[in-house]
Amino acid sequence: MKKLIICLSILFCSTLTTPFHFDHSAHAQQKPIPPYAKWSVLAMDKTKEKYPNAKVVDFLYVGRTRGQQTSTERFKFWLKDNQKEFGVYVNIEFNNETQQVTNVTYQETTR
């Protein structure tokens, strides 16, 4: 009986000092990158260029309008500067084949 207790004690102590290695990535669910991700980064950069004194409070992906030769990704940003808060719709038009941006437009809104 003493030998069993000693063996179990040694086994227990050795497991305490042995580091455990878990593959956390296998347990965490990976969300796929949405197709509009690269356009949202561009929209954010362009909005900061156009409104350098405003802070981006929030943004929303509105959607894509697909045409034969070009498509448009639409985002809504909520901005705050020293005097007011306001929304800005940002439209990024790009060539479907080359992914080259052809036009960026902005439309301010109160809500």
PDB file of N, CA and C in Angstrom:
ATOM      1  N   MET A   1       0.813  -1.178   0.000  1.00  0.00           N
ATOM      2  CA  MET A   1       0.000   0.000   0.000  1.00  0.00           C
ATOM      3  C   MET A   1       0.869   1.259   0.000  1.00  0.00           C
ATOM      4  N   LYS A   2       1.973   1.197   0.796  1.00  0.00           N
ATOM      5  CA  LYS A   2       2.883   2.332   0.836  1.00  0.00           C
ATOM      6  C   LYS A   2       3.488   2.589  -0.538  1.00  0.00           C
ATOM      7  N   LYS A   3       3.827   1.516  -1.227  1.00  0.00           N
ATOM      8  CA  LYS A   3       4.419   1.654  -2.559  1.00  0.00           C
ATOM      9  C   LYS A   3       3.426   2.308  -3.520  1.00  0.00           C
ATOM     10  N   LEU A   4       2.162   1.960  -3.437  1.00  0.00           N
ATOM     11  CA  LEU A   4       1.127   2.542  -4.293  1.00  0.00           C
ATOM     12  C   LEU A   4       0.979   4.036  -4.030  1.00  0.00           C
ATOM     13  N   ILE A   5       0.976   4.416  -2.779  1.00  0.00           N
ATOM     14  CA  ILE A   5       0.854   5.829  -2.404  1.00  0.00           C
ATOM     15  C   ILE A   5       2.079   6.604  -2.877  1.00  0.00           C
ATOM     16  N   ILE A   6       3.252   6.034  -2.737  1.00  0.00           N
ATOM     17  CA  ILE A   6       4.487   6.694  -3.185  1.00  0.00           C
ATOM     18  C   ILE A   6       4.475   6.850  -4.709  1.00  0.00           C
ATOM     19  N   CYS A   7       4.074   5.789  -5.408  1.00  0.00           N
ATOM     20  CA  CYS A   7       4.018   5.865  -6.875  1.00  0.00           C
ATOM     21  C   CYS A   7       3.016   6.916  -7.340  1.00  0.00           C
ATOM     22  N   LEU A   8       1.860   6.940  -6.729  1.00  0.00           N
ATOM     23  CA  LEU A   8       0.840   7.938  -7.094  1.00  0.00           C
ATOM     24  C   LEU A   8       1.317   9.346  -6.765  1.00  0.00           C
ATOM     25  N   SER A   9       2.010   9.517  -5.651  1.00  0.00           N
ATOM     26  CA  SER A   9       2.549  10.829  -5.272  1.00  0.00           C
ATOM     27  C   SER A   9       3.581  11.306  -6.286  1.00  0.00           C
ATOM     28  N   ILE A  10       4.461  10.398  -6.688  1.00  0.00           N
ATOM     29  CA  ILE A  10       5.493  10.752  -7.681  1.00  0.00           C
ATOM     30  C   ILE A  10       4.833  11.106  -9.011  1.00  0.00           C
ATOM     31  N   LEU A  11       3.875  10.315  -9.413  1.00  0.00           N
ATOM     32  CA  LEU A  11       3.164  10.580 -10.660  1.00  0.00           C
ATOM     33  C   LEU A  11       2.436  11.917 -10.612  1.00  0.00           C
ATOM     34  N   PHE A  12       1.771  12.182  -9.502  1.00  0.00           N
ATOM     35  CA  PHE A  12       1.032  13.434  -9.344  1.00  0.00           C
ATOM     36  C   PHE A  12       1.983  14.627  -9.367  1.00  0.00           C
ATOM     37  N   CYS A  13       3.077  14.541  -8.642  1.00  0.00           N
ATOM     38  CA  CYS A  13       4.051  15.643  -8.595  1.00  0.00           C
ATOM     39  C   CYS A  13       4.702  15.880  -9.954  1.00  0.00           C
ATOM     40  N   SER A  14       4.956  14.807 -10.687  1.00  0.00           N
ATOM     41  CA  SER A  14       5.594  14.981 -11.994  1.00  0.00           C
ATOM     42  C   SER A  14       4.647  15.649 -12.993  1.00  0.00           C
ATOM     43  N   THR A  15       3.341  15.417 -12.851  1.00  0.00           N
ATOM     44  CA  THR A  15       2.404  16.083 -13.763  1.00  0.00           C
ATOM     45  C   THR A  15       2.251  17.548 -13.413  1.00  0.00           C
ATOM     46  N   LEU A  16       2.484  17.912 -12.169  1.00  0.00           N
ATOM     47  CA  LEU A  16       2.402  19.322 -11.786  1.00  0.00           C
ATOM     48  C   LEU A  16       3.563  20.126 -12.345  1.00  0.00           C
ATOM     49  N   THR A  17       4.720  19.509 -12.470  1.00  0.00           N
ATOM     50  CA  THR A  17       5.889  20.234 -12.956  1.00  0.00           C
ATOM     51  C   THR A  17       6.024  20.176 -14.468  1.00  0.00           C
ATOM     52  N   THR A  18       5.271  19.321 -15.132  1.00  0.00           N
ATOM     53  CA  THR A  18       5.332  19.210 -16.585  1.00  0.00           C
ATOM     54  C   THR A  18       4.381  20.239 -17.198  1.00  0.00           C
ATOM     55  N   PRO A  19       4.885  21.140 -18.032  1.00  0.00           N
ATOM     56  CA  PRO A  19       3.992  22.129 -18.635  1.00  0.00           C
ATOM     57  C   PRO A  19       3.030  21.467 -19.625  1.00  0.00           C
ATOM     58  N   PHE A  20       1.823  21.980 -19.636  1.00  0.00           N
ATOM     59  CA  PHE A  20       0.830  21.484 -20.581  1.00  0.00           C
ATOM     60  C   PHE A  20       0.875  22.347 -21.825  1.00  0.00           C
ATOM     61  N   HIS A  21       0.759  21.737 -22.950  1.00  0.00           N
ATOM     62  CA  HIS A  21       0.752  22.464 -24.221  1.00  0.00           C
ATOM     63  C   HIS A  21      -0.596  22.257 -24.888  1.00  0.00           C
ATOM     64  N   PHE A  22      -1.339  23.334 -24.957  1.00  0.00           N
ATOM     65  CA  PHE A  22      -2.636  23.282 -25.615  1.00  0.00           C
ATOM     66  C   PHE A  22      -2.556  24.029 -26.928  1.00  0.00           C
ATOM     67  N   ASP A  23      -3.225  23.525 -27.883  1.00  0.00           N
ATOM     68  CA  ASP A  23      -3.343  24.228 -29.163  1.00  0.00           C
ATOM     69  C   ASP A  23      -4.611  25.060 -29.099  1.00  0.00           C
ATOM     70  N   HIS A  24      -4.453  26.331 -28.652  1.00  0.00           N
ATOM     71  CA  HIS A  24      -5.614  27.198 -28.483  1.00  0.00           C
ATOM     72  C   HIS A  24      -6.308  27.502 -29.800  1.00  0.00           C
ATOM     73  N   SER A  25      -5.565  27.500 -30.883  1.00  0.00           N
ATOM     74  CA  SER A  25      -6.172  27.815 -32.172  1.00  0.00           C
ATOM     75  C   SER A  25      -7.155  26.738 -32.611  1.00  0.00           C
ATOM     76  N   ALA A  26      -6.940  25.519 -32.162  1.00  0.00           N
ATOM     77  CA  ALA A  26      -7.854  24.440 -32.531  1.00  0.00           C
ATOM     78  C   ALA A  26      -9.181  24.590 -31.807  1.00  0.00           C
ATOM     79  N   HIS A  27      -9.148  25.203 -30.626  1.00  0.00           N
ATOM     80  CA  HIS A  27     -10.370  25.351 -29.847  1.00  0.00           C
ATOM     81  C   HIS A  27     -11.122  26.631 -30.186  1.00  0.00           C
ATOM     82  N   ALA A  28     -10.426  27.648 -30.601  1.00  0.00           N
ATOM     83  CA  ALA A  28     -11.071  28.904 -30.954  1.00  0.00           C
ATOM     84  C   ALA A  28     -11.606  28.822 -32.373  1.00  0.00           C
ATOM     85  N   GLN A  29     -12.808  29.311 -32.537  1.00  0.00           N
ATOM     86  CA  GLN A  29     -13.376  29.305 -33.879  1.00  0.00           C
ATOM     87  C   GLN A  29     -12.826  30.485 -34.658  1.00  0.00           C
ATOM     88  N   GLN A  30     -12.317  30.202 -35.845  1.00  0.00           N
ATOM     89  CA  GLN A  30     -11.774  31.241 -36.701  1.00  0.00           C
ATOM     90  C   GLN A  30     -12.897  31.789 -37.566  1.00  0.00           C
ATOM     91  N   LYS A  31     -13.093  33.095 -37.504  1.00  0.00           N
ATOM     92  CA  LYS A  31     -14.094  33.719 -38.365  1.00  0.00           C
ATOM     93  C   LYS A  31     -13.450  34.014 -39.704  1.00  0.00           C
ATOM     94  N   PRO A  32     -14.144  33.715 -40.790  1.00  0.00           N
ATOM     95  CA  PRO A  32     -13.571  34.004 -42.101  1.00  0.00           C
ATOM     96  C   PRO A  32     -13.507  35.521 -42.323  1.00  0.00           C
ATOM     97  N   ILE A  33     -12.509  35.938 -43.068  1.00  0.00           N
ATOM     98  CA  ILE A  33     -12.366  37.361 -43.388  1.00  0.00           C
ATOM     99  C   ILE A  33     -13.409  37.707 -44.437  1.00  0.00           C
ATOM    100  N   PRO A  34     -14.234  38.724 -44.166  1.00  0.00           N
ATOM    101  CA  PRO A  34     -15.273  39.065 -45.137  1.00  0.00           C
ATOM    102  C   PRO A  34     -14.672  39.655 -46.408  1.00  0.00           C
ATOM    103  N   PRO A  35     -15.356  39.504 -47.543  1.00  0.00           N
ATOM    104  CA  PRO A  35     -14.805  39.987 -48.812  1.00  0.00           C
ATOM    105  C   PRO A  35     -14.664  41.510 -48.870  1.00  0.00           C
ATOM    106  N   TYR A  36     -15.366  42.230 -48.025  1.00  0.00           N
ATOM    107  CA  TYR A  36     -15.294  43.692 -48.040  1.00  0.00           C
ATOM    108  C   TYR A  36     -14.203  44.232 -47.111  1.00  0.00           C
ATOM    109  N   ALA A  37     -13.445  43.374 -46.460  1.00  0.00           N
ATOM    110  CA  ALA A  37     -12.465  43.807 -45.455  1.00  0.00           C
ATOM    111  C   ALA A  37     -11.447  44.795 -46.019  1.00  0.00           C
ATOM    112  N   LYS A  38     -10.881  44.478 -47.186  1.00  0.00           N
ATOM    113  CA  LYS A  38      -9.865  45.387 -47.742  1.00  0.00           C
ATOM    114  C   LYS A  38     -10.471  46.734 -48.122  1.00  0.00           C
ATOM    115  N   TRP A  39     -11.754  46.716 -48.527  1.00  0.00           N
ATOM    116  CA  TRP A  39     -12.412  47.973 -48.887  1.00  0.00           C
ATOM    117  C   TRP A  39     -12.732  48.799 -47.642  1.00  0.00           C
ATOM    118  N   SER A  40     -13.003  48.142 -46.527  1.00  0.00           N
ATOM    119  CA  SER A  40     -13.284  48.891 -45.302  1.00  0.00           C
ATOM    120  C   SER A  40     -12.037  49.614 -44.807  1.00  0.00           C
ATOM    121  N   VAL A  41     -10.875  49.000 -44.969  1.00  0.00           N
ATOM    122  CA  VAL A  41      -9.616  49.654 -44.588  1.00  0.00           C
ATOM    123  C   VAL A  41      -9.395  50.883 -45.464  1.00  0.00           C
ATOM    124  N   LEU A  42      -9.625  50.734 -46.757  1.00  0.00           N
ATOM    125  CA  LEU A  42      -9.471  51.869 -47.673  1.00  0.00           C
ATOM    126  C   LEU A  42     -10.477  52.970 -47.344  1.00  0.00           C
ATOM    127  N   ALA A  43     -11.724  52.584 -47.073  1.00  0.00           N
ATOM    128  CA  ALA A  43     -12.748  53.573 -46.729  1.00  0.00           C
ATOM    129  C   ALA A  43     -12.374  54.327 -45.460  1.00  0.00           C
ATOM    130  N   MET A  44     -11.831  53.625 -44.479  1.00  0.00           N
ATOM    131  CA  MET A  44     -11.391  54.257 -43.234  1.00  0.00           C
ATOM    132  C   MET A  44     -10.261  55.245 -43.510  1.00  0.00           C
ATOM    133  N   ASP A  45      -9.281  54.833 -44.292  1.00  0.00           N
ATOM    134  CA  ASP A  45      -8.155  55.713 -44.620  1.00  0.00           C
ATOM    135  C   ASP A  45      -8.623  56.959 -45.370  1.00  0.00           C
ATOM    136  N   LYS A  46      -9.487  56.775 -46.362  1.00  0.00           N
ATOM    137  CA  LYS A  46      -9.979  57.909 -47.153  1.00  0.00           C
ATOM    138  C   LYS A  46     -10.813  58.856 -46.299  1.00  0.00           C
ATOM    139  N   THR A  47     -11.584  58.303 -45.373  1.00  0.00           N
ATOM    140  CA  THR A  47     -12.398  59.143 -44.492  1.00  0.00           C
ATOM    141  C   THR A  47     -11.513  59.966 -43.566  1.00  0.00           C
ATOM    142  N   LYS A  48     -10.456  59.357 -43.049  1.00  0.00           N
ATOM    143  CA  LYS A  48      -9.528  60.091 -42.189  1.00  0.00           C
ATOM    144  C   LYS A  48      -8.787  61.180 -42.965  1.00  0.00           C
ATOM    145  N   GLU A  49      -8.516  60.932 -44.253  1.00  0.00           N
ATOM    146  CA  GLU A  49      -7.882  61.959 -45.096  1.00  0.00           C
ATOM    147  C   GLU A  49      -8.832  63.134 -45.311  1.00  0.00           C
ATOM    148  N   LYS A  50     -10.083  62.833 -45.599  1.00  0.00           N
ATOM    149  CA  LYS A  50     -11.066  63.883 -45.897  1.00  0.00           C
ATOM    150  C   LYS A  50     -11.467  64.669 -44.647  1.00  0.00           C
ATOM    151  N   TYR A  51     -11.522  63.988 -43.501  1.00  0.00           N
ATOM    152  CA  TYR A  51     -11.916  64.618 -42.243  1.00  0.00           C
ATOM    153  C   TYR A  51     -10.811  64.419 -41.204  1.00  0.00           C
ATOM    154  N   PRO A  52      -9.676  65.091 -41.375  1.00  0.00           N
ATOM    155  CA  PRO A  52      -8.515  64.832 -40.509  1.00  0.00           C
ATOM    156  C   PRO A  52      -8.716  65.233 -39.046  1.00  0.00           C
ATOM    157  N   ASN A  53      -9.632  66.156 -38.767  1.00  0.00           N
ATOM    158  CA  ASN A  53      -9.848  66.611 -37.390  1.00  0.00           C
ATOM    159  C   ASN A  53     -10.961  65.842 -36.684  1.00  0.00           C
ATOM    160  N   ALA A  54     -11.599  64.922 -37.374  1.00  0.00           N
ATOM    161  CA  ALA A  54     -12.703  64.166 -36.787  1.00  0.00           C
ATOM    162  C   ALA A  54     -12.222  62.792 -36.334  1.00  0.00           C
ATOM    163  N   LYS A  55     -12.856  62.314 -35.307  1.00  0.00           N
ATOM    164  CA  LYS A  55     -12.563  60.979 -34.781  1.00  0.00           C
ATOM    165  C   LYS A  55     -13.645  60.021 -35.265  1.00  0.00           C
ATOM    166  N   VAL A  56     -13.243  58.865 -35.752  1.00  0.00           N
ATOM    167  CA  VAL A  56     -14.209  57.854 -36.179  1.00  0.00           C
ATOM    168  C   VAL A  56     -14.737  57.166 -34.926  1.00  0.00           C
ATOM    169  N   VAL A  57     -16.042  57.312 -34.698  1.00  0.00           N
ATOM    170  CA  VAL A  57     -16.685  56.737 -33.527  1.00  0.00           C
ATOM    171  C   VAL A  57     -17.184  55.329 -33.822  1.00  0.00           C
ATOM    172  N   ASP A  58     -17.722  55.133 -35.028  1.00  0.00           N
ATOM    173  CA  ASP A  58     -18.294  53.842 -35.392  1.00  0.00           C
ATOM    174  C   ASP A  58     -18.361  53.750 -36.905  1.00  0.00           C
ATOM    175  N   PHE A  59     -18.510  52.521 -37.410  1.00  0.00           N
ATOM    176  CA  PHE A  59     -18.754  52.371 -38.836  1.00  0.00           C
ATOM    177  C   PHE A  59     -19.583  51.131 -39.091  1.00  0.00           C
ATOM    178  N   LEU A  60     -20.239  51.149 -40.252  1.00  0.00           N
ATOM    179  CA  LEU A  60     -21.139  50.078 -40.631  1.00  0.00           C
ATOM    180  C   LEU A  60     -20.909  49.732 -42.090  1.00  0.00           C
ATOM    181  N   TYR A  61     -20.842  48.451 -42.388  1.00  0.00           N
ATOM    182  CA  TYR A  61     -20.796  48.015 -43.782  1.00  0.00           C
ATOM    183  C   TYR A  61     -22.236  47.980 -44.278  1.00  0.00           C
ATOM    184  N   VAL A  62     -22.536  48.765 -45.307  1.00  0.00           N
ATOM    185  CA  VAL A  62     -23.897  48.859 -45.826  1.00  0.00           C
ATOM    186  C   VAL A  62     -24.154  47.784 -46.873  1.00  0.00           C
ATOM    187  N   GLY A  63     -23.199  47.583 -47.782  1.00  0.00           N
ATOM    188  CA  GLY A  63     -23.366  46.531 -48.777  1.00  0.00           C
ATOM    189  C   GLY A  63     -22.665  46.844 -50.084  1.00  0.00           C
ATOM    190  N   ARG A  64     -22.830  45.914 -51.026  1.00  0.00           N
ATOM    191  CA  ARG A  64     -22.196  46.026 -52.345  1.00  0.00           C
ATOM    192  C   ARG A  64     -23.268  46.099 -53.416  1.00  0.00           C
ATOM    193  N   THR A  65     -23.028  46.995 -54.361  1.00  0.00           N
ATOM    194  CA  THR A  65     -23.835  47.062 -55.575  1.00  0.00           C
ATOM    195  C   THR A  65     -22.944  46.601 -56.706  1.00  0.00           C
ATOM    196  N   ARG A  66     -23.338  45.518 -57.369  1.00  0.00           N
ATOM    197  CA  ARG A  66     -22.496  44.938 -58.418  1.00  0.00           C
ATOM    198  C   ARG A  66     -23.040  45.313 -59.785  1.00  0.00           C
ATOM    199  N   GLY A  67     -22.159  45.882 -60.618  1.00  0.00           N
ATOM    200  CA  GLY A  67     -22.489  46.199 -61.999  1.00  0.00           C
ATOM    201  C   GLY A  67     -21.726  45.290 -62.939  1.00  0.00           C
ATOM    202  N   GLN A  68     -21.911  45.490 -64.225  1.00  0.00           N
ATOM    203  CA  GLN A  68     -21.212  44.638 -65.200  1.00  0.00           C
ATOM    204  C   GLN A  68     -19.710  44.871 -65.207  1.00  0.00           C
ATOM    205  N   GLN A  69     -19.303  46.134 -65.149  1.00  0.00           N
ATOM    206  CA  GLN A  69     -17.868  46.435 -65.202  1.00  0.00           C
ATOM    207  C   GLN A  69     -17.312  46.931 -63.876  1.00  0.00           C
ATOM    208  N   THR A  70     -18.144  47.608 -63.103  1.00  0.00           N
ATOM    209  CA  THR A  70     -17.689  48.121 -61.808  1.00  0.00           C
ATOM    210  C   THR A  70     -18.674  47.712 -60.714  1.00  0.00           C
ATOM    211  N   SER A  71     -18.169  47.715 -59.497  1.00  0.00           N
ATOM    212  CA  SER A  71     -18.991  47.475 -58.317  1.00  0.00           C
ATOM    213  C   SER A  71     -18.718  48.587 -57.325  1.00  0.00           C
ATOM    214  N   THR A  72     -19.650  48.777 -56.383  1.00  0.00           N
ATOM    215  CA  THR A  72     -19.491  49.808 -55.371  1.00  0.00           C
ATOM    216  C   THR A  72     -19.716  49.206 -53.991  1.00  0.00           C
ATOM    217  N   GLU A  73     -18.732  49.412 -53.121  1.00  0.00           N
ATOM    218  CA  GLU A  73     -18.859  49.032 -51.713  1.00  0.00           C
ATOM    219  C   GLU A  73     -19.284  50.285 -50.958  1.00  0.00           C
ATOM    220  N   ARG A  74     -20.279  50.140 -50.071  1.00  0.00           N
ATOM    221  CA  ARG A  74     -20.835  51.297 -49.365  1.00  0.00           C
ATOM    222  C   ARG A  74     -20.673  51.097 -47.853  1.00  0.00           C
ATOM    223  N   PHE A  75     -20.161  52.142 -47.201  1.00  0.00           N
ATOM    224  CA  PHE A  75     -19.949  52.132 -45.754  1.00  0.00           C
ATOM    225  C   PHE A  75     -20.556  53.392 -45.157  1.00  0.00           C
ATOM    226  N   LYS A  76     -20.943  53.300 -43.891  1.00  0.00           N
ATOM    227  CA  LYS A  76     -21.386  54.495 -43.168  1.00  0.00           C
ATOM    228  C   LYS A  76     -20.482  54.661 -41.954  1.00  0.00           C
ATOM    229  N   PHE A  77     -19.884  55.832 -41.853  1.00  0.00           N
ATOM    230  CA  PHE A  77     -19.029  56.170 -40.719  1.00  0.00           C
ATOM    231  C   PHE A  77     -19.739  57.192 -39.850  1.00  0.00           C
ATOM    232  N   TRP A  78     -19.553  57.067 -38.549  1.00  0.00           N
ATOM    233  CA  TRP A  78     -20.053  58.058 -37.612  1.00  0.00           C
ATOM    234  C   TRP A  78     -18.841  58.778 -37.060  1.00  0.00           C
ATOM    235  N   LEU A  79     -18.788  60.101 -37.278  1.00  0.00           N
ATOM    236  CA  LEU A  79     -17.624  60.917 -36.928  1.00  0.00           C
ATOM    237  C   LEU A  79     -17.977  61.930 -35.860  1.00  0.00           C
ATOM    238  N   LYS A  80     -16.961  62.327 -35.112  1.00  0.00           N
ATOM    239  CA  LYS A  80     -17.135  63.354 -34.092  1.00  0.00           C
ATOM    240  C   LYS A  80     -15.944  64.288 -34.156  1.00  0.00           C
ATOM    241  N   ASP A  81     -16.246  65.588 -34.312  1.00  0.00           N
ATOM    242  CA  ASP A  81     -15.170  66.572 -34.213  1.00  0.00           C
ATOM    243  C   ASP A  81     -15.486  67.470 -33.021  1.00  0.00           C
ATOM    244  N   ASN A  82     -14.806  68.588 -32.906  1.00  0.00           N
ATOM    245  CA  ASN A  82     -14.977  69.446 -31.730  1.00  0.00           C
ATOM    246  C   ASN A  82     -16.386  70.001 -31.579  1.00  0.00           C
ATOM    247  N   GLN A  83     -17.073  70.240 -32.702  1.00  0.00           N
ATOM    248  CA  GLN A  83     -18.359  70.910 -32.627  1.00  0.00           C
ATOM    249  C   GLN A  83     -19.574  70.012 -32.829  1.00  0.00           C
ATOM    250  N   LYS A  84     -19.429  68.891 -33.528  1.00  0.00           N
ATOM    251  CA  LYS A  84     -20.622  68.108 -33.859  1.00  0.00           C
ATOM    252  C   LYS A  84     -20.295  66.636 -34.106  1.00  0.00           C
ATOM    253  N   GLU A  85     -21.356  65.844 -34.133  1.00  0.00           N
ATOM    254  CA  GLU A  85     -21.284  64.456 -34.572  1.00  0.00           C
ATOM    255  C   GLU A  85     -22.090  64.351 -35.853  1.00  0.00           C
ATOM    256  N   PHE A  86     -21.596  63.554 -36.786  1.00  0.00           N
ATOM    257  CA  PHE A  86     -22.298  63.428 -38.058  1.00  0.00           C
ATOM    258  C   PHE A  86     -21.919  62.123 -38.738  1.00  0.00           C
ATOM    259  N   GLY A  87     -22.761  61.716 -39.658  1.00  0.00           N
ATOM    260  CA  GLY A  87     -22.508  60.505 -40.417  1.00  0.00           C
ATOM    261  C   GLY A  87     -21.983  60.832 -41.802  1.00  0.00           C
ATOM    262  N   VAL A  88     -21.235  59.900 -42.361  1.00  0.00           N
ATOM    263  CA  VAL A  88     -20.718  60.041 -43.722  1.00  0.00           C
ATOM    264  C   VAL A  88     -20.846  58.687 -44.412  1.00  0.00           C
ATOM    265  N   TYR A  89     -21.563  58.687 -45.542  1.00  0.00           N
ATOM    266  CA  TYR A  89     -21.587  57.504 -46.392  1.00  0.00           C
ATOM    267  C   TYR A  89     -20.390  57.580 -47.326  1.00  0.00           C
ATOM    268  N   VAL A  90     -19.618  56.507 -47.384  1.00  0.00           N
ATOM    269  CA  VAL A  90     -18.452  56.447 -48.259  1.00  0.00           C
ATOM    270  C   VAL A  90     -18.707  55.344 -49.276  1.00  0.00           C
ATOM    271  N   ASN A  91     -18.638  55.716 -50.550  1.00  0.00           N
ATOM    272  CA  ASN A  91     -18.829  54.765 -51.644  1.00  0.00           C
ATOM    273  C   ASN A  91     -17.500  54.572 -52.364  1.00  0.00           C
ATOM    274  N   ILE A  92     -17.077  53.321 -52.461  1.00  0.00           N
ATOM    275  CA  ILE A  92     -15.842  53.007 -53.179  1.00  0.00           C
ATOM    276  C   ILE A  92     -16.217  52.204 -54.412  1.00  0.00           C
ATOM    277  N   GLU A  93     -16.027  52.815 -55.568  1.00  0.00           N
ATOM    278  CA  GLU A  93     -16.313  52.145 -56.834  1.00  0.00           C
ATOM    279  C   GLU A  93     -15.011  51.581 -57.379  1.00  0.00           C
ATOM    280  N   PHE A  94     -15.063  50.341 -57.863  1.00  0.00           N
ATOM    281  CA  PHE A  94     -13.859  49.697 -58.365  1.00  0.00           C
ATOM    282  C   PHE A  94     -14.179  48.813 -59.561  1.00  0.00           C
ATOM    283  N   ASN A  95     -13.155  48.582 -60.380  1.00  0.00           N
ATOM    284  CA  ASN A  95     -13.268  47.727 -61.561  1.00  0.00           C
ATOM    285  C   ASN A  95     -13.348  46.272 -61.103  1.00  0.00           C
ATOM    286  N   ASN A  96     -14.335  45.550 -61.616  1.00  0.00           N
ATOM    287  CA  ASN A  96     -14.536  44.157 -61.197  1.00  0.00           C
ATOM    288  C   ASN A  96     -13.356  43.247 -61.542  1.00  0.00           C
ATOM    289  N   GLU A  97     -12.738  43.473 -62.672  1.00  0.00           N
ATOM    290  CA  GLU A  97     -11.635  42.595 -63.102  1.00  0.00           C
ATOM    291  C   GLU A  97     -10.314  42.936 -62.436  1.00  0.00           C
ATOM    292  N   THR A  98      -9.968  44.220 -62.420  1.00  0.00           N
ATOM    293  CA  THR A  98      -8.654  44.629 -61.918  1.00  0.00           C
ATOM    294  C   THR A  98      -8.655  45.007 -60.439  1.00  0.00           C
ATOM    295  N   GLN A  99      -9.838  45.200 -59.857  1.00  0.00           N
ATOM    296  CA  GLN A  99      -9.975  45.646 -58.467  1.00  0.00           C
ATOM    297  C   GLN A  99      -9.409  47.051 -58.260  1.00  0.00           C
ATOM    298  N   GLN A 100      -9.181  47.768 -59.356  1.00  0.00           N
ATOM    299  CA  GLN A 100      -8.659  49.136 -59.300  1.00  0.00           C
ATOM    300  C   GLN A 100      -9.791  50.092 -58.912  1.00  0.00           C
ATOM    301  N   VAL A 101      -9.526  50.977 -57.952  1.00  0.00           N
ATOM    302  CA  VAL A 101     -10.520  51.954 -57.521  1.00  0.00           C
ATOM    303  C   VAL A 101     -10.692  52.996 -58.617  1.00  0.00           C
ATOM    304  N   THR A 102     -11.945  53.243 -58.986  1.00  0.00           N
ATOM    305  CA  THR A 102     -12.227  54.237 -60.021  1.00  0.00           C
ATOM    306  C   THR A 102     -12.806  55.525 -59.451  1.00  0.00           C
ATOM    307  N   ASN A 103     -13.454  55.437 -58.262  1.00  0.00           N
ATOM    308  CA  ASN A 103     -14.071  56.632 -57.702  1.00  0.00           C
ATOM    309  C   ASN A 103     -14.363  56.421 -56.216  1.00  0.00           C
ATOM    310  N   VAL A 104     -14.169  57.469 -55.431  1.00  0.00           N
ATOM    311  CA  VAL A 104     -14.552  57.462 -54.019  1.00  0.00           C
ATOM    312  C   VAL A 104     -15.406  58.694 -53.790  1.00  0.00           C
ATOM    313  N   THR A 105     -16.618  58.495 -53.267  1.00  0.00           N
ATOM    314  CA  THR A 105     -17.506  59.626 -52.999  1.00  0.00           C
ATOM    315  C   THR A 105     -17.930  59.616 -51.536  1.00  0.00           C
ATOM    316  N   TYR A 106     -18.306  60.806 -51.045  1.00  0.00           N
ATOM    317  CA  TYR A 106     -18.713  60.994 -49.659  1.00  0.00           C
ATOM    318  C   TYR A 106     -20.053  61.716 -49.633  1.00  0.00           C
ATOM    319  N   GLN A 107     -20.912  61.332 -48.718  1.00  0.00           N
ATOM    320  CA  GLN A 107     -22.203  62.007 -48.549  1.00  0.00           C
ATOM    321  C   GLN A 107     -22.458  62.135 -47.052  1.00  0.00           C
ATOM    322  N   GLU A 108     -22.436  63.361 -46.555  1.00  0.00           N
ATOM    323  CA  GLU A 108     -22.673  63.594 -45.138  1.00  0.00           C
ATOM    324  C   GLU A 108     -24.159  63.457 -44.818  1.00  0.00           C
ATOM    325  N   THR A 109     -24.436  63.007 -43.590  1.00  0.00           N
ATOM    326  CA  THR A 109     -25.810  62.824 -43.138  1.00  0.00           C
ATOM    327  C   THR A 109     -25.885  63.143 -41.643  1.00  0.00           C
ATOM    328  N   THR A 110     -27.071  63.546 -41.199  1.00  0.00           N
ATOM    329  CA  THR A 110     -27.233  63.849 -39.774  1.00  0.00           C
ATOM    330  C   THR A 110     -27.537  62.607 -38.973  1.00  0.00           C
ATOM    331  N   ARG A 111     -28.106  61.609 -39.578  1.00  0.00           N
ATOM    332  CA  ARG A 111     -28.404  60.340 -38.897  1.00  0.00           C
ATOM    333  C   ARG A 111     -28.170  59.189 -39.792  1.00  0.00           C
TER     334      ARG A 111
END
